[in-house]
Amino acid sequence: MTENFTTFRKFPTLDQAKELEILLNKNNIKTFLADNLPPVDVTFSGSTLQNQYEVKIEAADFEKAENILEKDTENILNEIDKDYYLLSFSDEELYEVLLKSDEWNVFDYKLAQKILTERGKAIDPEMLAALKKERLQILAKPEENQKPWIIAGYLFSLLGGGIGIVIGYSLWKSKKTLPNGERIYSYNENDRKHGKTIFIIGSIIFPFVVLIKILNLSGL
């Protein structure tokens, strides 16, 4: 059942994750709390896991969950301190918050709208929808510059190393989750073809390498 759930939000503490889980459950959204799992969308960027708790929901509930969070946040927008860092942002920086809403928490996203509105800038649902659409198009682009990993994958696979199998499979099958819950492949079709080839080569050669090592150790 939980295989249909996709990460909606990540948190550094269990209490924060539980708070969101309770809010979503109250609004009839089923959740699944993952404890200290490695990132699902592993890339070769060298990024490390920072958030240990993931609240997962079904992809079909992403938009509803976003609306619930935004509505819940509106109740505390007027309670910020006068020195809150977002208040010093320029208009351009605030618009960037709206564009890259997936990189900001819901509170900052809603506060950016409020600040811009108070500065006389027109903020309407159509504009926000257009920004989200533009952001999805940007994030949906395949990860670039995989050539070094493709070369390394071929080398490791031909040498019989299991690392080549891992690299090949990652290039071939890795996916990333968009802010709307959609899952897409991380790499372009050509890189994925290389990944598949690397995986197959490694899968064929690796068992022979292991067998040879076993025979050498046994003295046969």
N, C-alpha and C. Protein backbone atom coordinates (compact mmCIF):
# COMPACT_ATOMS: atom_id res chain seq x y z
N MET A 1 0.83 -1.22 0.00
CA MET A 1 0.00 0.00 0.00
C MET A 1 0.86 1.27 0.00
N THR A 2 1.90 1.28 0.84
CA THR A 2 2.71 2.49 0.98
C THR A 2 3.57 2.77 -0.24
N GLU A 3 3.68 1.81 -1.17
CA GLU A 3 4.49 2.06 -2.36
C GLU A 3 3.88 3.14 -3.25
N ASN A 4 2.60 3.45 -3.04
CA ASN A 4 1.94 4.51 -3.82
C ASN A 4 2.11 5.88 -3.18
N PHE A 5 2.79 5.94 -2.04
CA PHE A 5 2.98 7.21 -1.34
C PHE A 5 4.28 7.86 -1.76
N THR A 6 4.24 9.19 -1.90
CA THR A 6 5.40 9.97 -2.34
C THR A 6 5.72 11.02 -1.29
N THR A 7 6.99 11.32 -1.12
CA THR A 7 7.40 12.30 -0.12
C THR A 7 6.79 13.67 -0.40
N PHE A 8 6.07 14.20 0.58
CA PHE A 8 5.44 15.51 0.47
C PHE A 8 6.27 16.58 1.16
N ARG A 9 6.75 16.28 2.36
CA ARG A 9 7.60 17.20 3.11
C ARG A 9 8.63 16.41 3.91
N LYS A 10 9.80 17.03 4.14
CA LYS A 10 10.84 16.43 4.97
C LYS A 10 11.12 17.34 6.16
N PHE A 11 11.44 16.73 7.31
CA PHE A 11 11.68 17.50 8.53
C PHE A 11 12.88 16.95 9.29
N PRO A 12 13.58 17.82 10.02
CA PRO A 12 14.72 17.37 10.82
C PRO A 12 14.30 16.72 12.14
N THR A 13 13.06 16.97 12.60
CA THR A 13 12.61 16.40 13.87
C THR A 13 11.30 15.65 13.70
N LEU A 14 11.08 14.69 14.58
CA LEU A 14 9.86 13.89 14.54
C LEU A 14 8.64 14.74 14.89
N ASP A 15 8.80 15.67 15.84
CA ASP A 15 7.67 16.51 16.25
C ASP A 15 7.11 17.32 15.10
N GLN A 16 7.99 17.88 14.27
CA GLN A 16 7.55 18.66 13.12
C GLN A 16 6.79 17.79 12.12
N ALA A 17 7.31 16.60 11.90
CA ALA A 17 6.66 15.68 10.97
C ALA A 17 5.30 15.25 11.50
N LYS A 18 5.23 14.99 12.79
CA LYS A 18 3.97 14.57 13.41
C LYS A 18 2.93 15.67 13.35
N GLU A 19 3.37 16.92 13.50
CA GLU A 19 2.45 18.06 13.45
C GLU A 19 1.76 18.14 12.09
N LEU A 20 2.55 17.96 11.04
CA LEU A 20 1.98 17.98 9.70
C LEU A 20 1.09 16.76 9.48
N GLU A 21 1.53 15.62 9.94
CA GLU A 21 0.75 14.40 9.78
C GLU A 21 -0.63 14.53 10.41
N ILE A 22 -0.68 15.10 11.60
CA ILE A 22 -1.95 15.30 12.30
C ILE A 22 -2.86 16.24 11.52
N LEU A 23 -2.27 17.35 11.02
CA LEU A 23 -3.05 18.32 10.26
C LEU A 23 -3.66 17.68 9.01
N LEU A 24 -2.87 16.91 8.29
CA LEU A 24 -3.36 16.28 7.06
C LEU A 24 -4.40 15.21 7.36
N ASN A 25 -4.17 14.44 8.42
CA ASN A 25 -5.13 13.41 8.79
C ASN A 25 -6.48 14.00 9.17
N LYS A 26 -6.45 15.17 9.83
CA LYS A 26 -7.70 15.84 10.20
C LYS A 26 -8.50 16.26 8.97
N ASN A 27 -7.79 16.45 7.88
CA ASN A 27 -8.44 16.86 6.64
C ASN A 27 -8.59 15.69 5.66
N ASN A 28 -8.61 14.49 6.22
CA ASN A 28 -8.90 13.26 5.46
C ASN A 28 -7.87 12.94 4.38
N ILE A 29 -6.62 13.26 4.66
CA ILE A 29 -5.54 12.88 3.77
C ILE A 29 -4.71 11.79 4.46
N LYS A 30 -4.61 10.66 3.82
CA LYS A 30 -3.84 9.55 4.37
C LYS A 30 -2.35 9.86 4.28
N THR A 31 -1.62 9.52 5.33
CA THR A 31 -0.19 9.82 5.37
C THR A 31 0.60 8.57 5.76
N PHE A 32 1.87 8.63 5.44
CA PHE A 32 2.81 7.58 5.87
C PHE A 32 4.08 8.28 6.32
N LEU A 33 4.51 8.01 7.55
CA LEU A 33 5.69 8.66 8.11
C LEU A 33 6.90 7.74 7.99
N ALA A 34 7.90 8.19 7.23
CA ALA A 34 9.13 7.42 7.04
C ALA A 34 10.20 7.95 7.97
N ASP A 35 10.82 7.07 8.72
CA ASP A 35 11.78 7.46 9.75
C ASP A 35 13.21 7.21 9.27
N ASN A 36 13.96 8.31 9.10
CA ASN A 36 15.39 8.23 8.82
C ASN A 36 15.71 7.39 7.59
N LEU A 37 14.97 7.60 6.50
CA LEU A 37 15.23 6.87 5.26
C LEU A 37 16.20 7.64 4.39
N PRO A 38 17.02 6.94 3.59
CA PRO A 38 17.88 7.65 2.64
C PRO A 38 17.02 8.28 1.57
N PRO A 39 17.52 9.33 0.88
CA PRO A 39 16.71 9.99 -0.14
C PRO A 39 16.32 9.05 -1.25
N VAL A 40 15.06 9.11 -1.66
CA VAL A 40 14.58 8.26 -2.74
C VAL A 40 15.21 8.66 -4.06
N ASP A 41 15.34 9.98 -4.26
CA ASP A 41 15.82 10.49 -5.54
C ASP A 41 17.33 10.75 -5.48
N VAL A 42 18.11 9.69 -5.43
CA VAL A 42 19.55 9.83 -5.32
C VAL A 42 20.13 10.25 -6.67
N THR A 43 20.93 11.32 -6.66
CA THR A 43 21.64 11.73 -7.86
C THR A 43 23.12 11.69 -7.56
N PHE A 44 23.93 12.07 -8.53
CA PHE A 44 25.37 12.04 -8.35
C PHE A 44 25.90 13.40 -7.94
N SER A 45 25.07 14.22 -7.33
CA SER A 45 25.48 15.56 -6.96
C SER A 45 26.30 15.58 -5.68
N GLY A 46 26.33 14.46 -4.96
CA GLY A 46 27.09 14.40 -3.72
C GLY A 46 26.31 14.95 -2.54
N SER A 47 25.02 15.20 -2.70
CA SER A 47 24.21 15.73 -1.61
C SER A 47 24.04 14.68 -0.54
N THR A 48 23.91 15.13 0.70
CA THR A 48 23.75 14.22 1.82
C THR A 48 22.39 14.43 2.46
N LEU A 49 21.95 13.42 3.18
CA LEU A 49 20.65 13.47 3.81
C LEU A 49 20.68 14.40 5.01
N GLN A 50 19.82 15.41 5.04
CA GLN A 50 19.75 16.34 6.15
C GLN A 50 18.43 16.20 6.90
N ASN A 51 17.38 15.86 6.21
CA ASN A 51 16.07 15.73 6.84
C ASN A 51 15.79 14.26 7.12
N GLN A 52 15.54 13.92 8.37
CA GLN A 52 15.44 12.52 8.75
C GLN A 52 14.02 11.97 8.74
N TYR A 53 13.03 12.84 8.67
CA TYR A 53 11.65 12.37 8.73
C TYR A 53 10.88 12.87 7.51
N GLU A 54 10.22 11.94 6.84
CA GLU A 54 9.48 12.26 5.62
C GLU A 54 8.00 11.96 5.81
N VAL A 55 7.17 12.95 5.52
CA VAL A 55 5.72 12.74 5.51
C VAL A 55 5.33 12.45 4.07
N LYS A 56 4.82 11.26 3.84
CA LYS A 56 4.46 10.83 2.49
C LYS A 56 2.95 10.76 2.33
N ILE A 57 2.49 11.15 1.17
CA ILE A 57 1.06 11.06 0.84
C ILE A 57 0.94 10.57 -0.60
N GLU A 58 -0.26 10.30 -1.02
CA GLU A 58 -0.48 9.89 -2.40
C GLU A 58 -0.35 11.12 -3.31
N ALA A 59 0.21 10.91 -4.50
CA ALA A 59 0.45 12.02 -5.42
C ALA A 59 -0.83 12.79 -5.74
N ALA A 60 -1.95 12.09 -5.79
CA ALA A 60 -3.23 12.73 -6.12
C ALA A 60 -3.67 13.73 -5.05
N ASP A 61 -3.08 13.64 -3.84
CA ASP A 61 -3.47 14.53 -2.74
C ASP A 61 -2.54 15.72 -2.58
N PHE A 62 -1.52 15.85 -3.44
CA PHE A 62 -0.54 16.92 -3.28
C PHE A 62 -1.17 18.31 -3.31
N GLU A 63 -1.99 18.57 -4.30
CA GLU A 63 -2.59 19.91 -4.42
C GLU A 63 -3.48 20.22 -3.23
N LYS A 64 -4.28 19.24 -2.82
CA LYS A 64 -5.15 19.43 -1.66
C LYS A 64 -4.34 19.69 -0.40
N ALA A 65 -3.25 18.95 -0.23
CA ALA A 65 -2.40 19.13 0.95
C ALA A 65 -1.74 20.51 0.95
N GLU A 66 -1.30 20.97 -0.21
CA GLU A 66 -0.70 22.31 -0.32
C GLU A 66 -1.71 23.37 0.09
N ASN A 67 -2.94 23.24 -0.37
CA ASN A 67 -3.98 24.22 -0.02
C ASN A 67 -4.26 24.22 1.47
N ILE A 68 -4.25 23.04 2.08
CA ILE A 68 -4.49 22.93 3.52
C ILE A 68 -3.38 23.64 4.29
N LEU A 69 -2.14 23.39 3.88
CA LEU A 69 -1.00 24.03 4.54
C LEU A 69 -1.05 25.54 4.41
N GLU A 70 -1.36 26.02 3.22
CA GLU A 70 -1.41 27.46 3.00
C GLU A 70 -2.51 28.11 3.83
N LYS A 71 -3.66 27.48 3.89
CA LYS A 71 -4.77 28.02 4.68
C LYS A 71 -4.42 28.03 6.16
N ASP A 72 -3.78 26.97 6.62
CA ASP A 72 -3.39 26.88 8.04
C ASP A 72 -2.36 27.94 8.38
N THR A 73 -1.49 28.26 7.43
CA THR A 73 -0.42 29.22 7.67
C THR A 73 -0.94 30.65 7.71
N GLU A 74 -1.99 30.95 6.98
CA GLU A 74 -2.53 32.30 6.92
C GLU A 74 -2.92 32.84 8.29
N ASN A 75 -3.22 31.95 9.21
CA ASN A 75 -3.66 32.36 10.55
C ASN A 75 -2.54 32.97 11.39
N ILE A 76 -1.27 32.74 11.01
CA ILE A 76 -0.16 33.22 11.84
C ILE A 76 0.73 34.23 11.11
N LEU A 77 0.30 34.69 9.95
CA LEU A 77 1.14 35.61 9.17
C LEU A 77 1.36 36.94 9.88
N ASN A 78 0.42 37.35 10.70
CA ASN A 78 0.53 38.65 11.37
C ASN A 78 1.29 38.56 12.69
N GLU A 79 1.82 37.39 13.01
CA GLU A 79 2.50 37.21 14.29
C GLU A 79 4.01 37.24 14.17
N ILE A 80 4.55 37.66 13.03
CA ILE A 80 6.00 37.63 12.84
C ILE A 80 6.67 38.80 13.55
N ASP A 81 7.94 38.63 13.86
CA ASP A 81 8.73 39.71 14.46
C ASP A 81 9.06 40.76 13.40
N LYS A 82 9.30 41.97 13.84
CA LYS A 82 9.58 43.06 12.92
C LYS A 82 10.93 42.88 12.22
N ASP A 83 11.81 42.07 12.80
CA ASP A 83 13.12 41.86 12.18
C ASP A 83 13.18 40.54 11.42
N TYR A 84 12.02 39.96 11.10
CA TYR A 84 12.01 38.70 10.35
C TYR A 84 12.71 38.92 9.01
N TYR A 85 13.61 38.01 8.66
CA TYR A 85 14.52 38.23 7.54
C TYR A 85 13.83 38.50 6.21
N LEU A 86 12.66 37.93 5.99
CA LEU A 86 11.98 38.09 4.71
C LEU A 86 11.52 39.54 4.48
N LEU A 87 11.34 40.29 5.57
CA LEU A 87 10.89 41.67 5.45
C LEU A 87 11.94 42.56 4.79
N SER A 88 13.19 42.14 4.79
CA SER A 88 14.26 42.93 4.19
C SER A 88 14.52 42.54 2.74
N PHE A 89 13.78 41.56 2.22
CA PHE A 89 13.97 41.11 0.84
C PHE A 89 13.48 42.16 -0.14
N SER A 90 14.17 42.26 -1.27
CA SER A 90 13.71 43.14 -2.34
C SER A 90 12.53 42.49 -3.04
N ASP A 91 11.84 43.25 -3.89
CA ASP A 91 10.71 42.69 -4.65
C ASP A 91 11.17 41.50 -5.50
N GLU A 92 12.33 41.66 -6.14
CA GLU A 92 12.85 40.58 -6.99
C GLU A 92 13.10 39.32 -6.19
N GLU A 93 13.64 39.48 -4.99
CA GLU A 93 13.93 38.31 -4.14
C GLU A 93 12.64 37.65 -3.67
N LEU A 94 11.63 38.45 -3.41
CA LEU A 94 10.35 37.89 -2.98
C LEU A 94 9.66 37.15 -4.13
N TYR A 95 9.79 37.68 -5.34
CA TYR A 95 9.23 36.98 -6.49
C TYR A 95 9.94 35.64 -6.72
N GLU A 96 11.23 35.62 -6.39
CA GLU A 96 11.98 34.36 -6.52
C GLU A 96 11.49 33.33 -5.51
N VAL A 97 11.11 33.81 -4.33
CA VAL A 97 10.51 32.90 -3.34
C VAL A 97 9.24 32.29 -3.91
N LEU A 98 8.44 33.11 -4.58
CA LEU A 98 7.19 32.60 -5.16
C LEU A 98 7.48 31.61 -6.28
N LEU A 99 8.50 31.89 -7.08
CA LEU A 99 8.84 30.99 -8.18
C LEU A 99 9.38 29.67 -7.66
N LYS A 100 10.27 29.74 -6.67
CA LYS A 100 10.91 28.54 -6.14
C LYS A 100 10.25 28.13 -4.82
N SER A 101 8.95 28.06 -4.84
CA SER A 101 8.20 27.75 -3.61
C SER A 101 8.58 26.40 -3.03
N ASP A 102 9.05 25.47 -3.87
CA ASP A 102 9.45 24.15 -3.38
C ASP A 102 10.70 24.20 -2.50
N GLU A 103 11.46 25.30 -2.58
CA GLU A 103 12.66 25.45 -1.77
C GLU A 103 12.40 26.20 -0.47
N TRP A 104 11.18 26.65 -0.28
CA TRP A 104 10.84 27.43 0.91
C TRP A 104 9.69 26.76 1.66
N ASN A 105 9.59 27.08 2.95
CA ASN A 105 8.46 26.55 3.70
C ASN A 105 7.20 27.34 3.36
N VAL A 106 6.06 26.79 3.71
CA VAL A 106 4.78 27.40 3.34
C VAL A 106 4.62 28.78 3.96
N PHE A 107 5.12 28.93 5.19
CA PHE A 107 5.00 30.23 5.87
C PHE A 107 5.70 31.33 5.07
N ASP A 108 6.93 31.08 4.64
CA ASP A 108 7.67 32.09 3.88
C ASP A 108 7.01 32.35 2.53
N TYR A 109 6.47 31.29 1.93
CA TYR A 109 5.80 31.44 0.63
C TYR A 109 4.58 32.36 0.76
N LYS A 110 3.79 32.14 1.79
CA LYS A 110 2.60 32.98 2.00
C LYS A 110 2.98 34.39 2.44
N LEU A 111 4.02 34.49 3.27
CA LEU A 111 4.46 35.80 3.74
C LEU A 111 5.00 36.64 2.59
N ALA A 112 5.71 36.01 1.65
CA ALA A 112 6.22 36.74 0.49
C ALA A 112 5.07 37.35 -0.30
N GLN A 113 3.98 36.60 -0.44
CA GLN A 113 2.80 37.13 -1.13
C GLN A 113 2.23 38.33 -0.37
N LYS A 114 2.15 38.22 0.94
CA LYS A 114 1.59 39.28 1.77
C LYS A 114 2.44 40.55 1.68
N ILE A 115 3.76 40.40 1.76
CA ILE A 115 4.65 41.56 1.71
C ILE A 115 4.54 42.26 0.36
N LEU A 116 4.54 41.49 -0.72
CA LEU A 116 4.43 42.08 -2.06
C LEU A 116 3.10 42.81 -2.23
N THR A 117 2.04 42.22 -1.71
CA THR A 117 0.72 42.85 -1.80
C THR A 117 0.72 44.18 -1.05
N GLU A 118 1.34 44.19 0.14
CA GLU A 118 1.42 45.41 0.94
C GLU A 118 2.28 46.48 0.27
N ARG A 119 3.17 46.04 -0.61
CA ARG A 119 4.01 46.98 -1.36
C ARG A 119 3.34 47.44 -2.65
N GLY A 120 2.09 47.03 -2.84
CA GLY A 120 1.34 47.48 -4.01
C GLY A 120 1.51 46.61 -5.24
N LYS A 121 2.10 45.43 -5.08
CA LYS A 121 2.28 44.52 -6.21
C LYS A 121 1.06 43.61 -6.34
N ALA A 122 0.63 43.41 -7.55
CA ALA A 122 -0.55 42.57 -7.78
C ALA A 122 -0.17 41.09 -7.71
N ILE A 123 -0.79 40.38 -6.80
CA ILE A 123 -0.57 38.94 -6.65
C ILE A 123 -1.93 38.26 -6.77
N ASP A 124 -2.11 37.46 -7.79
CA ASP A 124 -3.39 36.79 -7.98
C ASP A 124 -3.16 35.30 -8.25
N PRO A 125 -4.19 34.49 -8.11
CA PRO A 125 -4.07 33.04 -8.30
C PRO A 125 -3.53 32.65 -9.67
N GLU A 126 -3.90 33.41 -10.70
CA GLU A 126 -3.43 33.10 -12.05
C GLU A 126 -1.92 33.25 -12.16
N MET A 127 -1.37 34.31 -11.55
CA MET A 127 0.06 34.53 -11.59
C MET A 127 0.79 33.43 -10.82
N LEU A 128 0.28 33.09 -9.65
CA LEU A 128 0.90 32.04 -8.83
C LEU A 128 0.88 30.69 -9.56
N ALA A 129 -0.23 30.42 -10.24
CA ALA A 129 -0.34 29.18 -11.00
C ALA A 129 0.67 29.15 -12.14
N ALA A 130 0.85 30.31 -12.79
CA ALA A 130 1.81 30.41 -13.89
C ALA A 130 3.23 30.20 -13.40
N LEU A 131 3.55 30.74 -12.22
CA LEU A 131 4.88 30.56 -11.65
C LEU A 131 5.14 29.10 -11.30
N LYS A 132 4.12 28.44 -10.75
CA LYS A 132 4.28 27.03 -10.40
C LYS A 132 4.47 26.17 -11.66
N LYS A 133 3.74 26.53 -12.71
CA LYS A 133 3.89 25.81 -13.98
C LYS A 133 5.29 25.99 -14.54
N GLU A 134 5.78 27.22 -14.49
CA GLU A 134 7.13 27.51 -14.98
C GLU A 134 8.17 26.73 -14.18
N ARG A 135 7.97 26.68 -12.86
CA ARG A 135 8.91 25.96 -11.99
C ARG A 135 8.91 24.47 -12.28
N LEU A 136 7.74 23.91 -12.53
CA LEU A 136 7.66 22.49 -12.87
C LEU A 136 8.42 22.18 -14.16
N GLN A 137 8.31 23.08 -15.12
CA GLN A 137 9.03 22.89 -16.39
C GLN A 137 10.54 22.92 -16.17
N ILE A 138 10.99 23.78 -15.27
CA ILE A 138 12.42 23.88 -14.97
C ILE A 138 12.90 22.60 -14.27
N LEU A 139 12.15 22.18 -13.26
CA LEU A 139 12.55 21.01 -12.47
C LEU A 139 12.43 19.71 -13.25
N ALA A 140 11.56 19.71 -14.26
CA ALA A 140 11.35 18.49 -15.05
C ALA A 140 12.49 18.23 -16.02
N LYS A 141 13.37 19.21 -16.22
CA LYS A 141 14.48 19.00 -17.14
C LYS A 141 15.43 17.95 -16.57
N PRO A 142 15.95 17.08 -17.42
CA PRO A 142 16.88 16.03 -16.96
C PRO A 142 18.15 16.62 -16.35
N GLU A 143 18.74 15.90 -15.40
CA GLU A 143 20.02 16.31 -14.82
C GLU A 143 21.08 16.31 -15.92
N GLU A 144 21.92 17.34 -15.89
CA GLU A 144 22.91 17.49 -16.96
C GLU A 144 24.28 16.92 -16.58
N ASN A 145 25.15 16.82 -17.58
CA ASN A 145 26.56 16.46 -17.42
C ASN A 145 26.76 15.13 -16.69
N GLN A 146 26.24 14.06 -17.24
CA GLN A 146 26.44 12.73 -16.67
C GLN A 146 27.59 11.98 -17.35
N LYS A 147 28.29 12.63 -18.29
CA LYS A 147 29.36 11.97 -19.05
C LYS A 147 30.43 11.35 -18.14
N PRO A 148 30.91 12.06 -17.10
CA PRO A 148 31.93 11.45 -16.23
C PRO A 148 31.43 10.16 -15.57
N TRP A 149 30.16 10.15 -15.18
CA TRP A 149 29.62 8.95 -14.54
C TRP A 149 29.40 7.83 -15.56
N ILE A 150 29.07 8.19 -16.77
CA ILE A 150 28.91 7.18 -17.82
C ILE A 150 30.25 6.51 -18.10
N ILE A 151 31.31 7.30 -18.22
CA ILE A 151 32.64 6.76 -18.45
C ILE A 151 33.06 5.87 -17.29
N ALA A 152 32.86 6.37 -16.07
CA ALA A 152 33.22 5.59 -14.89
C ALA A 152 32.42 4.30 -14.83
N GLY A 153 31.15 4.38 -15.19
CA GLY A 153 30.30 3.20 -15.17
C GLY A 153 30.79 2.12 -16.11
N TYR A 154 31.16 2.51 -17.33
CA TYR A 154 31.69 1.54 -18.30
C TYR A 154 32.99 0.91 -17.79
N LEU A 155 33.88 1.74 -17.25
CA LEU A 155 35.16 1.24 -16.76
C LEU A 155 34.97 0.22 -15.64
N PHE A 156 34.15 0.59 -14.66
CA PHE A 156 33.92 -0.32 -13.53
C PHE A 156 33.24 -1.61 -13.97
N SER A 157 32.29 -1.49 -14.90
CA SER A 157 31.57 -2.68 -15.37
C SER A 157 32.50 -3.61 -16.14
N LEU A 158 33.34 -3.06 -17.02
CA LEU A 158 34.26 -3.86 -17.81
C LEU A 158 35.32 -4.52 -16.94
N LEU A 159 35.66 -3.85 -15.83
CA LEU A 159 36.63 -4.42 -14.90
C LEU A 159 35.99 -5.40 -13.93
N GLY A 160 34.68 -5.54 -14.04
CA GLY A 160 34.00 -6.52 -13.21
C GLY A 160 33.58 -6.03 -11.84
N GLY A 161 33.62 -4.72 -11.64
CA GLY A 161 33.27 -4.17 -10.33
C GLY A 161 31.78 -3.99 -10.15
N GLY A 162 31.30 -4.28 -8.97
CA GLY A 162 29.89 -4.09 -8.66
C GLY A 162 29.48 -2.64 -8.69
N ILE A 163 30.48 -1.74 -8.53
CA ILE A 163 30.18 -0.31 -8.57
C ILE A 163 29.59 0.08 -9.93
N GLY A 164 30.09 -0.57 -10.98
CA GLY A 164 29.56 -0.28 -12.32
C GLY A 164 28.09 -0.62 -12.43
N ILE A 165 27.69 -1.72 -11.80
CA ILE A 165 26.28 -2.11 -11.81
C ILE A 165 25.43 -1.05 -11.13
N VAL A 166 25.93 -0.55 -9.99
CA VAL A 166 25.20 0.48 -9.23
C VAL A 166 25.06 1.76 -10.04
N ILE A 167 26.16 2.19 -10.65
CA ILE A 167 26.14 3.41 -11.47
C ILE A 167 25.18 3.25 -12.64
N GLY A 168 25.28 2.11 -13.32
CA GLY A 168 24.41 1.86 -14.47
C GLY A 168 22.95 1.86 -14.09
N TYR A 169 22.63 1.19 -13.00
CA TYR A 169 21.22 1.12 -12.57
C TYR A 169 20.70 2.50 -12.18
N SER A 170 21.55 3.29 -11.52
CA SER A 170 21.14 4.64 -11.11
C SER A 170 20.86 5.52 -12.31
N LEU A 171 21.76 5.48 -13.30
CA LEU A 171 21.55 6.26 -14.52
C LEU A 171 20.29 5.82 -15.25
N TRP A 172 20.03 4.55 -15.23
CA TRP A 172 18.91 3.96 -15.97
C TRP A 172 17.57 4.17 -15.29
N LYS A 173 17.54 4.00 -13.97
CA LYS A 173 16.25 3.93 -13.27
C LYS A 173 15.95 5.08 -12.30
N SER A 174 16.92 5.90 -11.96
CA SER A 174 16.68 6.94 -10.95
C SER A 174 15.57 7.89 -11.36
N LYS A 175 14.73 8.23 -10.39
CA LYS A 175 13.64 9.17 -10.61
C LYS A 175 13.69 10.28 -9.58
N LYS A 176 13.03 11.39 -9.92
CA LYS A 176 12.89 12.48 -8.97
C LYS A 176 11.43 12.86 -8.87
N THR A 177 11.08 13.45 -7.74
CA THR A 177 9.69 13.83 -7.48
C THR A 177 9.52 15.33 -7.68
N LEU A 178 8.58 15.72 -8.52
CA LEU A 178 8.28 17.13 -8.74
C LEU A 178 7.37 17.64 -7.62
N PRO A 179 7.30 18.96 -7.42
CA PRO A 179 6.47 19.51 -6.35
C PRO A 179 5.00 19.11 -6.41
N ASN A 180 4.52 18.71 -7.59
CA ASN A 180 3.11 18.29 -7.71
C ASN A 180 2.93 16.80 -7.45
N GLY A 181 4.01 16.13 -7.07
CA GLY A 181 3.93 14.70 -6.75
C GLY A 181 4.25 13.78 -7.91
N GLU A 182 4.42 14.34 -9.10
CA GLU A 182 4.72 13.51 -10.27
C GLU A 182 6.14 12.97 -10.18
N ARG A 183 6.31 11.69 -10.55
CA ARG A 183 7.62 11.07 -10.56
C ARG A 183 8.12 10.94 -12.00
N ILE A 184 9.31 11.44 -12.26
CA ILE A 184 9.88 11.38 -13.61
C ILE A 184 11.33 10.90 -13.53
N TYR A 185 11.84 10.41 -14.64
CA TYR A 185 13.23 9.96 -14.68
C TYR A 185 14.17 11.15 -14.50
N SER A 186 15.27 10.92 -13.79
CA SER A 186 16.22 11.99 -13.49
C SER A 186 17.10 12.36 -14.68
N TYR A 187 17.32 11.41 -15.59
CA TYR A 187 18.28 11.63 -16.67
C TYR A 187 17.61 11.48 -18.03
N ASN A 188 18.23 12.06 -19.04
CA ASN A 188 17.64 12.03 -20.38
C ASN A 188 17.71 10.62 -20.98
N GLU A 189 17.03 10.45 -22.10
CA GLU A 189 16.89 9.12 -22.69
C GLU A 189 18.24 8.53 -23.09
N ASN A 190 19.13 9.36 -23.63
CA ASN A 190 20.44 8.87 -24.05
C ASN A 190 21.27 8.38 -22.87
N ASP A 191 21.28 9.17 -21.78
CA ASP A 191 22.02 8.77 -20.58
C ASP A 191 21.43 7.51 -19.97
N ARG A 192 20.12 7.38 -20.04
CA ARG A 192 19.46 6.19 -19.49
C ARG A 192 19.81 4.95 -20.32
N LYS A 193 19.95 5.12 -21.63
CA LYS A 193 20.35 4.00 -22.48
C LYS A 193 21.76 3.54 -22.12
N HIS A 194 22.65 4.50 -21.90
CA HIS A 194 24.00 4.16 -21.46
C HIS A 194 23.94 3.43 -20.11
N GLY A 195 23.09 3.94 -19.21
CA GLY A 195 22.96 3.31 -17.90
C GLY A 195 22.52 1.86 -18.01
N LYS A 196 21.56 1.61 -18.88
CA LYS A 196 21.07 0.24 -19.08
C LYS A 196 22.17 -0.66 -19.62
N THR A 197 22.93 -0.14 -20.60
CA THR A 197 24.03 -0.91 -21.18
C THR A 197 25.09 -1.21 -20.12
N ILE A 198 25.44 -0.21 -19.34
CA ILE A 198 26.42 -0.38 -18.27
C ILE A 198 25.95 -1.45 -17.28
N PHE A 199 24.68 -1.38 -16.92
CA PHE A 199 24.11 -2.34 -15.98
C PHE A 199 24.19 -3.76 -16.54
N ILE A 200 23.85 -3.93 -17.80
CA ILE A 200 23.87 -5.26 -18.42
C ILE A 200 25.30 -5.81 -18.49
N ILE A 201 26.23 -4.96 -18.92
CA ILE A 201 27.63 -5.39 -19.00
C ILE A 201 28.14 -5.82 -17.63
N GLY A 202 27.87 -4.97 -16.64
CA GLY A 202 28.32 -5.29 -15.29
C GLY A 202 27.70 -6.56 -14.75
N SER A 203 26.42 -6.76 -15.05
CA SER A 203 25.71 -7.95 -14.56
C SER A 203 26.25 -9.23 -15.19
N ILE A 204 26.78 -9.12 -16.42
CA ILE A 204 27.34 -10.29 -17.11
C ILE A 204 28.75 -10.60 -16.61
N ILE A 205 29.58 -9.56 -16.49
CA ILE A 205 30.99 -9.74 -16.13
C ILE A 205 31.19 -10.02 -14.65
N PHE A 206 30.42 -9.35 -13.79
CA PHE A 206 30.64 -9.44 -12.35
C PHE A 206 30.61 -10.88 -11.83
N PRO A 207 29.62 -11.72 -12.22
CA PRO A 207 29.60 -13.09 -11.71
C PRO A 207 30.85 -13.89 -12.11
N PHE A 208 31.38 -13.65 -13.31
CA PHE A 208 32.59 -14.35 -13.75
C PHE A 208 33.79 -13.94 -12.90
N VAL A 209 33.87 -12.65 -12.59
CA VAL A 209 34.97 -12.16 -11.75
C VAL A 209 34.89 -12.79 -10.37
N VAL A 210 33.69 -12.87 -9.82
CA VAL A 210 33.51 -13.48 -8.50
C VAL A 210 33.89 -14.96 -8.56
N LEU A 211 33.47 -15.66 -9.61
CA LEU A 211 33.77 -17.08 -9.76
C LEU A 211 35.27 -17.32 -9.85
N ILE A 212 35.96 -16.47 -10.64
CA ILE A 212 37.41 -16.60 -10.78
C ILE A 212 38.10 -16.40 -9.43
N LYS A 213 37.65 -15.43 -8.66
CA LYS A 213 38.25 -15.17 -7.34
C LYS A 213 38.02 -16.36 -6.41
N ILE A 214 36.84 -16.97 -6.49
CA ILE A 214 36.54 -18.12 -5.64
C ILE A 214 37.43 -19.29 -6.02
N LEU A 215 37.61 -19.52 -7.32
CA LEU A 215 38.46 -20.62 -7.80
C LEU A 215 39.91 -20.40 -7.41
N ASN A 216 40.35 -19.14 -7.48
CA ASN A 216 41.73 -18.84 -7.09
C ASN A 216 41.95 -19.09 -5.60
N LEU A 217 40.96 -18.69 -4.81
CA LEU A 217 41.08 -18.89 -3.35
C LEU A 217 41.05 -20.38 -2.98
N SER A 218 40.32 -21.14 -3.76
CA SER A 218 40.21 -22.58 -3.47
C SER A 218 41.37 -23.37 -4.04
N GLY A 219 42.20 -22.71 -4.85
CA GLY A 219 43.37 -23.35 -5.40
C GLY A 219 43.09 -24.23 -6.58
N LEU A 220 41.91 -24.09 -7.21
CA LEU A 220 41.57 -24.91 -8.37
C LEU A 220 42.12 -24.31 -9.66
